[in-house]
Amino acid sequence: MPTVLIVDDEELDRKVLHSILLSAGYEVVGTARSGEEGIMLFQTLHPDLVTIDLMMPEMNGMDVLNRLMKEDNKVKALICTAAHSDPVVDLAMRSGAKGYIIKPFQARSLLQTIKGVVGEPDPTRMNVWNF
């Protein structure tokens, strides 16, 4: 079953993303409030996917992505952003991100993007929601 690490400085966004993923059957192995914490958790947990908020204080999502790519150039990362056509999203894709997720999160499109990167969740772990 694909495992996911969420890196986002906004508590509400972490909770919403965690809830959607869990309800769909994905295993969320960790959540991080900062880029540094996300990198440390990645090194420890080795998740199949990392979702990275683009706009964070101190270490932004591009910095996190670049550090993760240096550690493991096969890392599967999705950038979370509020902008559909942000030039930074294009840069993130050229830097190794496998895609992006638009905020506010829309469960159906979010899960479709994640399935395209890491595959289907474990159907036995699906919760109440039907996406």
Protein backbone atom coordinates (compact mmCIF):
# COMPACT_ATOMS: atom_id res chain seq x y z
CA MET A 1 0.00 0.00 0.00
CA PRO A 2 1.40 3.44 -0.90
CA THR A 3 2.59 5.52 2.04
CA VAL A 4 2.42 9.31 2.14
CA LEU A 5 4.25 12.05 4.04
CA ILE A 6 2.53 15.46 4.22
CA VAL A 7 4.69 18.59 4.53
CA ASP A 8 2.65 21.77 5.11
CA ASP A 9 2.94 24.62 7.60
CA GLU A 10 -0.85 25.11 7.76
CA GLU A 11 -2.53 22.82 10.29
CA LEU A 12 -5.92 22.89 8.56
CA ASP A 13 -4.39 21.92 5.21
CA ARG A 14 -2.48 19.05 6.85
CA LYS A 15 -5.66 17.79 8.51
CA VAL A 16 -7.80 18.04 5.37
CA LEU A 17 -5.21 16.30 3.20
CA HIS A 18 -4.64 13.64 5.85
CA SER A 19 -8.38 13.00 6.13
CA ILE A 20 -8.91 12.70 2.36
CA LEU A 21 -5.96 10.32 1.96
CA LEU A 22 -6.88 8.18 4.94
CA SER A 23 -10.53 7.94 3.87
CA ALA A 24 -9.46 6.83 0.39
CA GLY A 25 -7.27 4.04 1.79
CA TYR A 26 -3.79 5.56 1.66
CA GLU A 27 -1.47 5.24 4.65
CA VAL A 28 -0.27 8.61 5.93
CA VAL A 29 2.97 7.78 7.73
CA GLY A 30 3.71 11.30 8.92
CA THR A 31 2.93 14.99 8.81
CA ALA A 32 5.45 17.80 9.07
CA ARG A 33 4.92 21.46 9.96
CA SER A 34 8.09 22.70 8.28
CA GLY A 35 10.48 21.87 5.49
CA GLU A 36 13.22 20.80 7.90
CA GLU A 37 10.85 18.51 9.78
CA GLY A 38 9.65 17.09 6.46
CA ILE A 39 13.20 16.26 5.36
CA MET A 40 13.95 14.56 8.69
CA LEU A 41 10.74 12.51 8.49
CA PHE A 42 11.50 11.56 4.88
CA GLN A 43 14.92 10.25 5.92
CA THR A 44 13.34 8.19 8.68
CA LEU A 45 10.09 7.00 7.08
CA HIS A 46 11.01 6.61 3.37
CA PRO A 47 7.44 7.19 2.14
CA ASP A 48 6.29 6.34 -1.37
CA LEU A 49 5.00 9.89 -1.85
CA VAL A 50 5.66 13.30 -0.31
CA THR A 51 3.20 16.18 -0.65
CA ILE A 52 4.99 19.51 -0.22
CA ASP A 53 3.35 22.89 0.33
CA LEU A 54 5.01 25.39 -1.99
CA MET A 55 4.69 28.43 0.29
CA MET A 56 6.20 27.84 3.73
CA PRO A 57 8.28 30.13 5.93
CA GLU A 58 12.01 29.54 6.42
CA MET A 59 12.31 26.69 3.90
CA ASN A 60 9.88 26.84 0.98
CA GLY A 61 8.58 23.89 -0.99
CA MET A 62 11.18 24.28 -3.76
CA ASP A 63 13.99 24.09 -1.19
CA VAL A 64 12.42 20.95 0.31
CA LEU A 65 11.98 19.36 -3.12
CA ASN A 66 15.59 20.10 -4.10
CA ARG A 67 16.93 18.64 -0.84
CA LEU A 68 14.81 15.51 -1.20
CA MET A 69 15.90 15.06 -4.83
CA LYS A 70 19.56 15.27 -3.74
CA GLU A 71 18.92 12.54 -1.17
CA ASP A 72 16.92 10.30 -3.49
CA ASN A 73 16.51 11.28 -7.13
CA LYS A 74 13.65 8.76 -7.42
CA VAL A 75 11.53 10.45 -4.75
CA LYS A 76 7.91 10.93 -5.77
CA ALA A 77 6.80 14.38 -4.72
CA LEU A 78 3.71 16.48 -5.41
CA ILE A 79 3.70 20.24 -4.89
CA CYS A 80 0.66 21.79 -3.18
CA THR A 81 -0.20 25.27 -4.41
CA ALA A 82 -3.08 27.71 -4.73
CA ALA A 83 -2.01 28.79 -8.23
CA HIS A 84 -2.82 26.77 -11.37
CA SER A 85 -0.17 28.38 -13.56
CA ASP A 86 2.49 29.55 -11.14
CA PRO A 87 5.94 29.65 -12.82
CA VAL A 88 7.29 28.03 -9.66
CA VAL A 89 5.09 24.99 -10.35
CA ASP A 90 6.76 24.68 -13.77
CA LEU A 91 10.15 24.96 -12.09
CA ALA A 92 9.14 22.31 -9.54
CA MET A 93 8.14 19.95 -12.35
CA ARG A 94 11.47 20.50 -14.09
CA SER A 95 13.20 19.92 -10.74
CA GLY A 96 11.63 16.50 -10.29
CA ALA A 97 8.12 16.94 -8.87
CA LYS A 98 5.71 14.39 -10.32
CA GLY A 99 2.80 16.81 -10.36
CA TYR A 100 0.88 19.31 -8.28
CA ILE A 101 -2.25 19.55 -6.18
CA ILE A 102 -4.39 22.69 -6.12
CA LYS A 103 -5.55 24.26 -2.85
CA PRO A 104 -8.19 24.31 -1.59
CA PHE A 105 -8.12 20.55 -1.95
CA GLN A 106 -10.78 18.92 -4.13
CA ALA A 107 -10.87 15.26 -3.12
CA ARG A 108 -11.64 13.79 -6.54
CA SER A 109 -8.89 15.57 -8.50
CA LEU A 110 -6.40 15.23 -5.64
CA LEU A 111 -6.90 11.46 -5.47
CA GLN A 112 -6.74 11.14 -9.24
CA THR A 113 -3.36 12.90 -9.24
CA ILE A 114 -2.05 10.74 -6.39
CA LYS A 115 -3.25 7.53 -8.04
CA GLY A 116 -1.38 8.56 -11.18
CA VAL A 117 1.86 8.89 -9.22
CA VAL A 118 1.80 6.03 -6.69
CA GLY A 119 -1.10 3.84 -7.72
CA GLU A 120 -4.30 2.73 -6.08
CA PRO A 121 -4.77 2.78 -2.30
CA ASP A 122 -5.49 -0.36 -0.32
CA PRO A 123 -9.24 -0.99 -0.88
CA THR A 124 -9.55 -2.76 2.47
CA ARG A 125 -8.49 0.48 4.21
CA MET A 126 -11.09 2.69 2.51
CA ASN A 127 -13.23 4.63 4.90
CA VAL A 128 -16.65 6.22 4.68
CA TRP A 129 -16.19 8.56 1.76
CA ASN A 130 -16.71 7.42 -1.78
CA PHE A 131 -14.54 9.42 -4.16
